[in-house]
Amino acid sequence: LFHFTLPRWFEDLGGFEVEANIDAFVQFSERVFREYAPKCQLWCTVNEPEVYVEGGYSSGKFPPEKTDVKLAAVTLRNVLEAHV
């Protein structure tokens, strides 16, 4: 469901940088699971979380192009928590 591109509504909420958004992503994932269950039984909710966080929040090579180690740690924790 997530491979470096956040749904616009989720990005507008602050994405994985905001701990309160974990529940919103879990609810989104569960809704997609239910909707597409007849067509797909195997899901990956978050692909390569460490690459996303390192590239986007440590080295700044990927969007959102930030270089904040503390924010990287918070974001990684939130991404992993939301990985249902």
Protein backbone atom coordinates (compact mmCIF):
# COMPACT_ATOMS: atom_id res chain seq x y z
CA LEU A 1 0.00 0.00 0.00
CA PHE A 2 2.83 2.42 0.70
CA HIS A 3 5.95 2.64 -1.43
CA PHE A 4 7.35 6.15 -0.97
CA THR A 5 4.13 7.89 -2.08
CA LEU A 6 1.64 8.91 0.59
CA PRO A 7 -2.05 9.34 -0.20
CA ARG A 8 -2.68 13.09 -0.44
CA TRP A 9 -5.11 13.11 2.48
CA PHE A 10 -2.50 11.37 4.65
CA GLU A 11 0.26 13.77 3.63
CA ASP A 12 -2.02 16.69 4.46
CA LEU A 13 -2.34 15.30 8.01
CA GLY A 14 1.45 15.23 8.36
CA GLY A 15 2.04 11.67 7.19
CA PHE A 16 4.15 9.32 9.25
CA GLU A 17 5.85 12.23 11.01
CA VAL A 18 2.79 12.50 13.29
CA GLU A 19 2.17 9.69 15.78
CA ALA A 20 -1.57 10.41 15.83
CA ASN A 21 -1.73 9.40 12.15
CA ILE A 22 -0.81 5.78 12.82
CA ASP A 23 -4.45 4.90 13.50
CA ALA A 24 -5.58 6.68 10.32
CA PHE A 25 -3.14 4.64 8.22
CA VAL A 26 -4.19 1.40 9.92
CA GLN A 27 -7.86 2.19 9.24
CA PHE A 28 -7.03 3.03 5.61
CA SER A 29 -5.14 -0.26 5.26
CA GLU A 30 -7.97 -2.29 6.78
CA ARG A 31 -10.50 -0.65 4.46
CA VAL A 32 -8.38 -1.47 1.41
CA PHE A 33 -7.95 -5.05 2.65
CA ARG A 34 -11.72 -5.49 2.96
CA GLU A 35 -12.48 -3.83 -0.37
CA TYR A 36 -9.98 -5.85 -2.40
CA ALA A 37 -10.01 -9.11 -0.44
CA PRO A 38 -11.75 -11.01 -3.26
CA LYS A 39 -8.94 -10.06 -5.64
CA CYS A 40 -5.89 -10.04 -3.37
CA GLN A 41 -5.12 -12.01 -0.22
CA LEU A 42 -1.47 -11.04 0.33
CA TRP A 43 -0.54 -7.47 1.21
CA CYS A 44 2.54 -5.43 2.04
CA THR A 45 1.40 -2.34 3.93
CA VAL A 46 4.79 -0.60 3.91
CA ASN A 47 7.57 -1.47 1.48
CA GLU A 48 11.15 -0.75 2.58
CA PRO A 49 10.42 1.47 5.59
CA GLU A 50 14.10 1.90 6.40
CA VAL A 51 14.91 3.07 2.85
CA TYR A 52 12.01 5.56 2.90
CA VAL A 53 13.10 7.03 6.23
CA GLU A 54 16.84 7.09 5.51
CA GLY A 55 16.36 8.65 2.09
CA GLY A 56 13.62 11.07 3.07
CA TYR A 57 14.62 12.06 6.59
CA SER A 58 18.35 11.36 7.12
CA SER A 59 20.18 11.88 3.83
CA GLY A 60 17.44 13.97 2.22
CA LYS A 61 17.85 12.23 -1.15
CA PHE A 62 14.14 11.40 -1.47
CA PRO A 63 11.01 13.42 -0.71
CA PRO A 64 10.37 15.05 1.66
CA GLU A 65 14.14 15.79 1.42
CA LYS A 66 14.67 16.39 5.13
CA THR A 67 17.90 15.87 7.06
CA ASP A 68 16.70 15.64 10.65
CA VAL A 69 17.92 12.59 12.55
CA LYS A 70 15.44 13.03 15.39
CA LEU A 71 12.52 13.35 12.98
CA ALA A 72 13.86 10.32 11.11
CA ALA A 73 13.72 8.27 14.32
CA VAL A 74 10.16 9.42 15.09
CA THR A 75 9.04 8.74 11.52
CA LEU A 76 10.61 5.27 11.45
CA ARG A 77 8.93 4.34 14.72
CA ASN A 78 5.57 5.53 13.38
CA VAL A 79 6.00 3.75 10.04
CA LEU A 80 6.84 0.48 11.78
CA GLU A 81 3.94 0.89 14.20
CA ALA A 82 1.54 1.43 11.29
CA HIS A 83 2.88 -1.61 9.41
CA VAL A 84 -0.04 -3.98 10.07
